[in-house]
PDB file of all heavy atoms in Angstrom:
ATOM      1  N   VAL A   1       0.912  -1.193  -0.027  1.00  0.00           N
ATOM      2  CA  VAL A   1      -0.025  -0.050   0.002  1.00  0.00           C
ATOM      3  C   VAL A   1       0.907   1.166  -0.016  1.00  0.00           C
ATOM      4  O   VAL A   1       1.984   1.326   0.603  1.00  0.00           O
ATOM      5  CB  VAL A   1      -1.006  -0.030   1.207  1.00  0.00           C
ATOM      6  CG1 VAL A   1      -1.965  -1.123   1.198  1.00  0.00           C
ATOM      7  CG2 VAL A   1      -0.266   0.102   2.595  1.00  0.00           C
ATOM      8  N   ALA A   2       0.392   2.263  -0.671  1.00  0.00           N
ATOM      9  CA  ALA A   2       1.111   3.566  -0.715  1.00  0.00           C
ATOM     10  C   ALA A   2       1.020   4.160   0.611  1.00  0.00           C
ATOM     11  O   ALA A   2      -0.008   4.056   1.322  1.00  0.00           O
ATOM     12  CB  ALA A   2       0.498   4.494  -1.716  1.00  0.00           C
ATOM     13  N   VAL A   3       2.117   4.722   1.040  1.00  0.00           N
ATOM     14  CA  VAL A   3       2.180   5.544   2.335  1.00  0.00           C
ATOM     15  C   VAL A   3       2.684   6.951   1.984  1.00  0.00           C
ATOM     16  O   VAL A   3       3.673   7.089   1.229  1.00  0.00           O
ATOM     17  CB  VAL A   3       2.936   4.850   3.501  1.00  0.00           C
ATOM     18  CG1 VAL A   3       2.227   3.689   3.988  1.00  0.00           C
ATOM     19  CG2 VAL A   3       4.371   4.451   2.973  1.00  0.00           C
ATOM     20  N   GLU A   4       2.146   7.905   2.568  1.00  0.00           N
ATOM     21  CA  GLU A   4       2.433   9.331   2.277  1.00  0.00           C
ATOM     22  C   GLU A   4       3.845   9.679   2.671  1.00  0.00           C
ATOM     23  O   GLU A   4       4.325   9.304   3.724  1.00  0.00           O
ATOM     24  CB  GLU A   4       1.501  10.210   3.000  1.00  0.00           C
ATOM     25  CG  GLU A   4       1.604  11.706   2.630  1.00  0.00           C
ATOM     26  CD  GLU A   4       0.535  12.525   3.285  1.00  0.00           C
ATOM     27  OE1 GLU A   4      -0.687  12.167   3.220  1.00  0.00           O
ATOM     28  OE2 GLU A   4       0.861  13.553   3.859  1.00  0.00           O
ATOM     29  N   GLY A   5       4.585  10.372   1.719  1.00  0.00           N
ATOM     30  CA  GLY A   5       5.913  10.855   2.094  1.00  0.00           C
ATOM     31  C   GLY A   5       7.097  10.036   1.588  1.00  0.00           C
ATOM     32  O   GLY A   5       8.207  10.409   1.637  1.00  0.00           O
ATOM     33  N   ILE A   6       6.831   8.701   1.267  1.00  0.00           N
ATOM     34  CA  ILE A   6       7.940   7.900   0.668  1.00  0.00           C
ATOM     35  C   ILE A   6       7.371   7.106  -0.572  1.00  0.00           C
ATOM     36  O   ILE A   6       6.244   6.944  -0.677  1.00  0.00           O
ATOM     37  CB  ILE A   6       8.547   6.900   1.744  1.00  0.00           C
ATOM     38  CG1 ILE A   6       7.506   5.938   2.318  1.00  0.00           C
ATOM     39  CG2 ILE A   6       9.087   7.650   2.954  1.00  0.00           C
ATOM     40  CD1 ILE A   6       8.007   4.820   3.154  1.00  0.00           C
ATOM     41  N   SER A   7       8.421   6.612  -1.238  1.00  0.00           N
ATOM     42  CA  SER A   7       8.005   5.792  -2.426  1.00  0.00           C
ATOM     43  C   SER A   7       7.786   4.299  -2.157  1.00  0.00           C
ATOM     44  O   SER A   7       7.135   3.581  -2.842  1.00  0.00           O
ATOM     45  CB  SER A   7       9.071   5.906  -3.558  1.00  0.00           C
ATOM     46  OG  SER A   7       9.209   7.220  -3.979  1.00  0.00           O
ATOM     47  N   ALA A   8       8.499   3.834  -1.043  1.00  0.00           N
ATOM     48  CA  ALA A   8       8.363   2.427  -0.701  1.00  0.00           C
ATOM     49  C   ALA A   8       7.009   2.107  -0.205  1.00  0.00           C
ATOM     50  O   ALA A   8       6.361   2.985   0.495  1.00  0.00           O
ATOM     51  CB  ALA A   8       9.336   2.019   0.369  1.00  0.00           C
ATOM     52  N   PRO A   9       6.414   0.929  -0.460  1.00  0.00           N
ATOM     53  CA  PRO A   9       5.117   0.691   0.060  1.00  0.00           C
ATOM     54  C   PRO A   9       5.158   0.169   1.526  1.00  0.00           C
ATOM     55  O   PRO A   9       6.152  -0.302   1.952  1.00  0.00           O
ATOM     56  CB  PRO A   9       4.619  -0.533  -0.868  1.00  0.00           C
ATOM     57  CG  PRO A   9       5.936  -1.264  -1.137  1.00  0.00           C
ATOM     58  CD  PRO A   9       6.981  -0.156  -1.234  1.00  0.00           C
ATOM     59  N   GLY A  10       4.009   0.335   2.233  1.00  0.00           N
ATOM     60  CA  GLY A  10       3.759  -0.236   3.418  1.00  0.00           C
ATOM     61  C   GLY A  10       3.110  -1.645   3.183  1.00  0.00           C
ATOM     62  O   GLY A  10       2.788  -2.011   2.098  1.00  0.00           O
ATOM     63  N   ILE A  11       2.837  -2.364   4.252  1.00  0.00           N
ATOM     64  CA  ILE A  11       2.063  -3.619   4.184  1.00  0.00           C
ATOM     65  C   ILE A  11       0.656  -3.373   4.758  1.00  0.00           C
ATOM     66  O   ILE A  11       0.522  -3.008   5.820  1.00  0.00           O
ATOM     67  CB  ILE A  11       2.827  -4.670   5.097  1.00  0.00           C
ATOM     68  CG1 ILE A  11       4.281  -4.902   4.575  1.00  0.00           C
ATOM     69  CG2 ILE A  11       2.050  -5.984   5.074  1.00  0.00           C
ATOM     70  CD1 ILE A  11       5.124  -5.720   5.478  1.00  0.00           C
ATOM     71  N   GLY A  12      -0.273  -3.585   3.836  1.00  0.00           N
ATOM     72  CA  GLY A  12      -1.677  -3.233   4.119  1.00  0.00           C
ATOM     73  C   GLY A  12      -2.260  -3.975   5.287  1.00  0.00           C
ATOM     74  O   GLY A  12      -3.081  -3.518   6.021  1.00  0.00           O
ATOM     75  N   GLU A  13      -1.734  -5.158   5.614  1.00  0.00           N
ATOM     76  CA  GLU A  13      -2.207  -5.970   6.739  1.00  0.00           C
ATOM     77  C   GLU A  13      -1.734  -5.444   8.077  1.00  0.00           C
ATOM     78  O   GLU A  13      -2.242  -5.922   9.068  1.00  0.00           O
ATOM     79  CB  GLU A  13      -1.915  -7.403   6.491  1.00  0.00           C
ATOM     80  CG  GLU A  13      -2.577  -8.104   5.329  1.00  0.00           C
ATOM     81  CD  GLU A  13      -2.132  -7.681   3.947  1.00  0.00           C
ATOM     82  OE1 GLU A  13      -1.099  -7.036   3.865  1.00  0.00           O
ATOM     83  OE2 GLU A  13      -2.813  -8.042   2.962  1.00  0.00           O
ATOM     84  N   SER A  14      -0.736  -4.600   8.113  1.00  0.00           N
ATOM     85  CA  SER A  14      -0.213  -4.021   9.301  1.00  0.00           C
ATOM     86  C   SER A  14      -1.241  -3.061   9.953  1.00  0.00           C
ATOM     87  O   SER A  14      -1.760  -2.199   9.149  1.00  0.00           O
ATOM     88  CB  SER A  14       1.179  -3.380   9.028  1.00  0.00           C
ATOM     89  OG  SER A  14       1.579  -2.745  10.277  1.00  0.00           O
ATOM     90  N   PRO A  15      -1.400  -3.024  11.227  1.00  0.00           N
ATOM     91  CA  PRO A  15      -2.276  -2.030  11.925  1.00  0.00           C
ATOM     92  C   PRO A  15      -1.727  -0.584  11.776  1.00  0.00           C
ATOM     93  O   PRO A  15      -2.474   0.364  11.862  1.00  0.00           O
ATOM     94  CB  PRO A  15      -2.493  -2.488  13.277  1.00  0.00           C
ATOM     95  CG  PRO A  15      -1.227  -3.299  13.549  1.00  0.00           C
ATOM     96  CD  PRO A  15      -0.795  -3.900  12.306  1.00  0.00           C
ATOM     97  N   LEU A  16      -0.349  -0.407  11.746  1.00  0.00           N
ATOM     98  CA  LEU A  16       0.268   0.846  11.786  1.00  0.00           C
ATOM     99  C   LEU A  16       1.598   0.886  11.000  1.00  0.00           C
ATOM    100  O   LEU A  16       2.361  -0.039  11.136  1.00  0.00           O
ATOM    101  CB  LEU A  16       0.527   1.326  13.165  1.00  0.00           C
ATOM    102  CG  LEU A  16       1.057   2.715  13.436  1.00  0.00           C
ATOM    103  CD1 LEU A  16       0.303   3.323  14.667  1.00  0.00           C
ATOM    104  CD2 LEU A  16       2.537   2.772  13.597  1.00  0.00           C
ATOM    105  N   ILE A  17       1.701   1.852  10.143  1.00  0.00           N
ATOM    106  CA  ILE A  17       2.862   1.946   9.230  1.00  0.00           C
ATOM    107  C   ILE A  17       3.547   3.233   9.472  1.00  0.00           C
ATOM    108  O   ILE A  17       2.868   4.351   9.475  1.00  0.00           O
ATOM    109  CB  ILE A  17       2.547   1.801   7.794  1.00  0.00           C
ATOM    110  CG1 ILE A  17       1.760   0.505   7.510  1.00  0.00           C
ATOM    111  CG2 ILE A  17       3.741   1.911   6.913  1.00  0.00           C
ATOM    112  CD1 ILE A  17       1.104   0.435   6.128  1.00  0.00           C
ATOM    113  N   LEU A  18       4.790   3.232   9.722  1.00  0.00           N
ATOM    114  CA  LEU A  18       5.620   4.519   9.817  1.00  0.00           C
ATOM    115  C   LEU A  18       6.384   4.623   8.560  1.00  0.00           C
ATOM    116  O   LEU A  18       7.298   3.860   8.258  1.00  0.00           O
ATOM    117  CB  LEU A  18       6.611   4.412  11.082  1.00  0.00           C
ATOM    118  CG  LEU A  18       5.992   4.173  12.457  1.00  0.00           C
ATOM    119  CD1 LEU A  18       7.015   3.916  13.495  1.00  0.00           C
ATOM    120  CD2 LEU A  18       5.090   5.251  12.876  1.00  0.00           C
ATOM    121  N   ALA A  19       6.181   5.756   7.846  1.00  0.00           N
ATOM    122  CA  ALA A  19       6.962   6.132   6.669  1.00  0.00           C
ATOM    123  C   ALA A  19       8.201   6.866   7.122  1.00  0.00           C
ATOM    124  O   ALA A  19       8.129   7.816   7.881  1.00  0.00           O
ATOM    125  CB  ALA A  19       6.252   6.934   5.743  1.00  0.00           C
ATOM    126  N   CYS A  20       9.376   6.337   6.785  1.00  0.00           N
ATOM    127  CA  CYS A  20      10.606   6.897   7.341  1.00  0.00           C
ATOM    128  C   CYS A  20      11.593   7.311   6.260  1.00  0.00           C
ATOM    129  O   CYS A  20      11.802   6.596   5.268  1.00  0.00           O
ATOM    130  CB  CYS A  20      11.298   5.848   8.164  1.00  0.00           C
ATOM    131  SG  CYS A  20      10.280   5.132   9.580  1.00  0.00           S
ATOM    132  N   ARG A  21      12.325   8.387   6.529  1.00  0.00           N
ATOM    133  CA  ARG A  21      13.408   8.902   5.650  1.00  0.00           C
ATOM    134  C   ARG A  21      14.654   8.865   6.452  1.00  0.00           C
ATOM    135  O   ARG A  21      14.827   9.516   7.569  1.00  0.00           O
ATOM    136  CB  ARG A  21      13.063  10.336   5.101  1.00  0.00           C
ATOM    137  CG  ARG A  21      12.146  10.377   4.044  1.00  0.00           C
ATOM    138  CD  ARG A  21      12.392  11.525   3.160  1.00  0.00           C
ATOM    139  NE  ARG A  21      11.198  11.856   2.360  1.00  0.00           N
ATOM    140  CZ  ARG A  21      10.225  12.810   2.564  1.00  0.00           C
ATOM    141  NH1 ARG A  21      10.486  13.645   3.487  1.00  0.00           N
ATOM    142  NH2 ARG A  21       9.288  12.832   1.728  1.00  0.00           N
ATOM    143  N   VAL A  22      15.663   8.252   5.884  1.00  0.00           N
ATOM    144  CA  VAL A  22      16.950   8.098   6.577  1.00  0.00           C
ATOM    145  C   VAL A  22      17.629   9.425   6.646  1.00  0.00           C
ATOM    146  O   VAL A  22      17.752  10.160   5.752  1.00  0.00           O
ATOM    147  CB  VAL A  22      17.853   7.096   5.766  1.00  0.00           C
ATOM    148  CG1 VAL A  22      19.240   7.082   6.403  1.00  0.00           C
ATOM    149  CG2 VAL A  22      17.229   5.740   5.746  1.00  0.00           C
ATOM    150  N   THR A  23      18.154   9.741   7.907  1.00  0.00           N
ATOM    151  CA  THR A  23      18.985  10.984   8.087  1.00  0.00           C
ATOM    152  C   THR A  23      20.371  10.648   8.266  1.00  0.00           C
ATOM    153  O   THR A  23      21.156  11.586   8.102  1.00  0.00           O
ATOM    154  CB  THR A  23      18.320  11.727   9.320  1.00  0.00           C
ATOM    155  OG1 THR A  23      18.482  10.930  10.467  1.00  0.00           O
ATOM    156  CG2 THR A  23      16.948  12.178   9.077  1.00  0.00           C
ATOM    157  N   GLU A  24      20.736   9.450   8.759  1.00  0.00           N
ATOM    158  CA  GLU A  24      22.096   9.152   9.000  1.00  0.00           C
ATOM    159  C   GLU A  24      22.233   7.678   9.144  1.00  0.00           C
ATOM    160  O   GLU A  24      21.377   6.959   9.502  1.00  0.00           O
ATOM    161  CB  GLU A  24      22.544   9.789  10.407  1.00  0.00           C
ATOM    162  CG  GLU A  24      23.935   9.673  10.697  1.00  0.00           C
ATOM    163  CD  GLU A  24      24.283  10.354  12.047  1.00  0.00           C
ATOM    164  OE1 GLU A  24      23.435  11.228  12.591  1.00  0.00           O
ATOM    165  OE2 GLU A  24      25.350  10.167  12.593  1.00  0.00           O
ATOM    166  N   VAL A  25      23.459   7.183   8.708  1.00  0.00           N
ATOM    167  CA  VAL A  25      23.751   5.771   8.765  1.00  0.00           C
ATOM    168  C   VAL A  25      25.028   5.582   9.591  1.00  0.00           C
ATOM    169  O   VAL A  25      26.115   6.294   9.239  1.00  0.00           O
ATOM    170  CB  VAL A  25      23.987   5.035   7.465  1.00  0.00           C
ATOM    171  CG1 VAL A  25      24.287   3.611   7.603  1.00  0.00           C
ATOM    172  CG2 VAL A  25      22.689   5.261   6.477  1.00  0.00           C
ATOM    173  N   LYS A  26      24.959   4.910  10.690  1.00  0.00           N
ATOM    174  CA  LYS A  26      26.201   4.817  11.542  1.00  0.00           C
ATOM    175  C   LYS A  26      26.708   3.387  11.515  1.00  0.00           C
ATOM    176  O   LYS A  26      25.965   2.524  12.129  1.00  0.00           O
ATOM    177  CB  LYS A  26      25.803   5.195  13.001  1.00  0.00           C
ATOM    178  CG  LYS A  26      25.392   6.643  13.100  1.00  0.00           C
ATOM    179  CD  LYS A  26      25.056   7.057  14.595  1.00  0.00           C
ATOM    180  CE  LYS A  26      26.268   7.256  15.386  1.00  0.00           C
ATOM    181  NZ  LYS A  26      27.094   8.391  15.007  1.00  0.00           N
ATOM    182  N   PRO A  27      27.797   3.121  10.958  1.00  0.00           N
ATOM    183  CA  PRO A  27      28.432   1.799  10.946  1.00  0.00           C
ATOM    184  C   PRO A  27      28.808   1.419  12.468  1.00  0.00           C
ATOM    185  O   PRO A  27      29.521   2.247  13.066  1.00  0.00           O
ATOM    186  CB  PRO A  27      29.651   1.909  10.099  1.00  0.00           C
ATOM    187  CG  PRO A  27      29.476   3.165   9.326  1.00  0.00           C
ATOM    188  CD  PRO A  27      28.618   4.074  10.179  1.00  0.00           C
ATOM    189  N   LEU A  28      28.449   0.296  12.916  1.00  0.00           N
ATOM    190  CA  LEU A  28      28.724  -0.054  14.290  1.00  0.00           C
ATOM    191  C   LEU A  28      29.515  -1.348  14.538  1.00  0.00           C
ATOM    192  O   LEU A  28      29.957  -1.571  15.652  1.00  0.00           O
ATOM    193  CB  LEU A  28      27.355  -0.161  15.067  1.00  0.00           C
ATOM    194  CG  LEU A  28      26.565   1.072  15.107  1.00  0.00           C
ATOM    195  CD1 LEU A  28      25.183   0.868  15.821  1.00  0.00           C
ATOM    196  CD2 LEU A  28      27.254   2.229  15.849  1.00  0.00           C
ATOM    197  N   GLY A  29      29.555  -2.232  13.460  1.00  0.00           N
ATOM    198  CA  GLY A  29      30.178  -3.442  13.705  1.00  0.00           C
ATOM    199  C   GLY A  29      29.375  -4.447  12.826  1.00  0.00           C
ATOM    200  O   GLY A  29      29.364  -4.340  11.603  1.00  0.00           O
ATOM    201  N   THR A  30      28.803  -5.424  13.431  1.00  0.00           N
ATOM    202  CA  THR A  30      28.019  -6.359  12.655  1.00  0.00           C
ATOM    203  C   THR A  30      26.761  -5.758  12.023  1.00  0.00           C
ATOM    204  O   THR A  30      26.325  -6.255  11.001  1.00  0.00           O
ATOM    205  CB  THR A  30      27.454  -7.516  13.598  1.00  0.00           C
ATOM    206  OG1 THR A  30      26.574  -6.987  14.677  1.00  0.00           O
ATOM    207  CG2 THR A  30      28.597  -8.362  14.159  1.00  0.00           C
ATOM    208  N   HIS A  31      26.235  -4.582  12.571  1.00  0.00           N
ATOM    209  CA  HIS A  31      25.140  -3.979  12.044  1.00  0.00           C
ATOM    210  C   HIS A  31      25.374  -2.471  11.805  1.00  0.00           C
ATOM    211  O   HIS A  31      26.248  -1.988  12.492  1.00  0.00           O
ATOM    212  CB  HIS A  31      23.932  -4.083  13.063  1.00  0.00           C
ATOM    213  CG  HIS A  31      23.301  -5.380  13.138  1.00  0.00           C
ATOM    214  ND1 HIS A  31      24.039  -6.481  13.694  1.00  0.00           N
ATOM    215  CD2 HIS A  31      22.156  -5.933  12.757  1.00  0.00           C
ATOM    216  CE1 HIS A  31      23.300  -7.534  13.713  1.00  0.00           C
ATOM    217  NE2 HIS A  31      22.131  -7.264  13.127  1.00  0.00           N
ATOM    218  N   ASP A  32      24.671  -1.890  10.958  1.00  0.00           N
ATOM    219  CA  ASP A  32      24.686  -0.422  10.725  1.00  0.00           C
ATOM    220  C   ASP A  32      23.409   0.135  11.298  1.00  0.00           C
ATOM    221  O   ASP A  32      22.338  -0.465  11.020  1.00  0.00           O
ATOM    222  CB  ASP A  32      24.854  -0.036   9.329  1.00  0.00           C
ATOM    223  CG  ASP A  32      26.284  -0.132   8.783  1.00  0.00           C
ATOM    224  OD1 ASP A  32      27.170  -0.673   9.602  1.00  0.00           O
ATOM    225  OD2 ASP A  32      26.605   0.203   7.640  1.00  0.00           O
ATOM    226  N   LEU A  33      23.432   1.254  12.003  1.00  0.00           N
ATOM    227  CA  LEU A  33      22.329   1.926  12.514  1.00  0.00           C
ATOM    228  C   LEU A  33      21.791   2.901  11.582  1.00  0.00           C
ATOM    229  O   LEU A  33      22.480   3.807  11.240  1.00  0.00           O
ATOM    230  CB  LEU A  33      22.626   2.476  13.890  1.00  0.00           C
ATOM    231  CG  LEU A  33      21.506   3.210  14.649  1.00  0.00           C
ATOM    232  CD1 LEU A  33      20.519   2.168  15.168  1.00  0.00           C
ATOM    233  CD2 LEU A  33      22.149   3.996  15.818  1.00  0.00           C
ATOM    234  N   PHE A  34      20.536   2.732  11.093  1.00  0.00           N
ATOM    235  CA  PHE A  34      19.810   3.689  10.289  1.00  0.00           C
ATOM    236  C   PHE A  34      18.967   4.674  11.166  1.00  0.00           C
ATOM    237  O   PHE A  34      17.981   4.106  11.757  1.00  0.00           O
ATOM    238  CB  PHE A  34      18.905   3.060   9.218  1.00  0.00           C
ATOM    239  CG  PHE A  34      19.664   2.349   8.207  1.00  0.00           C
ATOM    240  CD1 PHE A  34      20.159   1.134   8.297  1.00  0.00           C
ATOM    241  CD2 PHE A  34      19.981   3.037   6.928  1.00  0.00           C
ATOM    242  CE1 PHE A  34      20.843   0.416   7.307  1.00  0.00           C
ATOM    243  CE2 PHE A  34      20.596   2.453   5.911  1.00  0.00           C
ATOM    244  CZ  PHE A  34      21.016   1.073   6.043  1.00  0.00           C
ATOM    245  N   LEU A  35      19.287   5.897  11.228  1.00  0.00           N
ATOM    246  CA  LEU A  35      18.547   6.824  12.014  1.00  0.00           C
ATOM    247  C   LEU A  35      17.588   7.415  10.966  1.00  0.00           C
ATOM    248  O   LEU A  35      18.009   7.784   9.795  1.00  0.00           O
ATOM    249  CB  LEU A  35      19.352   7.938  12.616  1.00  0.00           C
ATOM    250  CG  LEU A  35      20.428   7.446  13.526  1.00  0.00           C
ATOM    251  CD1 LEU A  35      21.336   8.644  13.994  1.00  0.00           C
ATOM    252  CD2 LEU A  35      19.938   6.743  14.713  1.00  0.00           C
ATOM    253  N   ALA A  36      16.307   7.600  11.260  1.00  0.00           N
ATOM    254  CA  ALA A  36      15.353   8.050  10.309  1.00  0.00           C
ATOM    255  C   ALA A  36      14.272   8.951  10.902  1.00  0.00           C
ATOM    256  O   ALA A  36      13.847   8.677  12.061  1.00  0.00           O
ATOM    257  CB  ALA A  36      14.750   6.916   9.605  1.00  0.00           C
ATOM    258  N   GLU A  37      13.749   9.925  10.153  1.00  0.00           N
ATOM    259  CA  GLU A  37      12.674  10.756  10.600  1.00  0.00           C
ATOM    260  C   GLU A  37      11.403  10.099  10.109  1.00  0.00           C
ATOM    261  O   GLU A  37      11.337   9.640   8.989  1.00  0.00           O
ATOM    262  CB  GLU A  37      12.866  12.121   9.963  1.00  0.00           C
ATOM    263  CG  GLU A  37      11.757  13.066  10.503  1.00  0.00           C
ATOM    264  CD  GLU A  37      11.984  14.511  10.088  1.00  0.00           C
ATOM    265  OE1 GLU A  37      13.134  14.853   9.654  1.00  0.00           O
ATOM    266  OE2 GLU A  37      11.138  15.395  10.432  1.00  0.00           O
TER     267      GLU A  37
END
């Protein structure tokens, strides 16, 4: 399903969808942390 503010779709079956835009990526080791508004 379309969600306002981003091009990526949400999942219609989910009760709540947060549309997020990445503001920063922090490499940490095994994982990178995506900070998003």
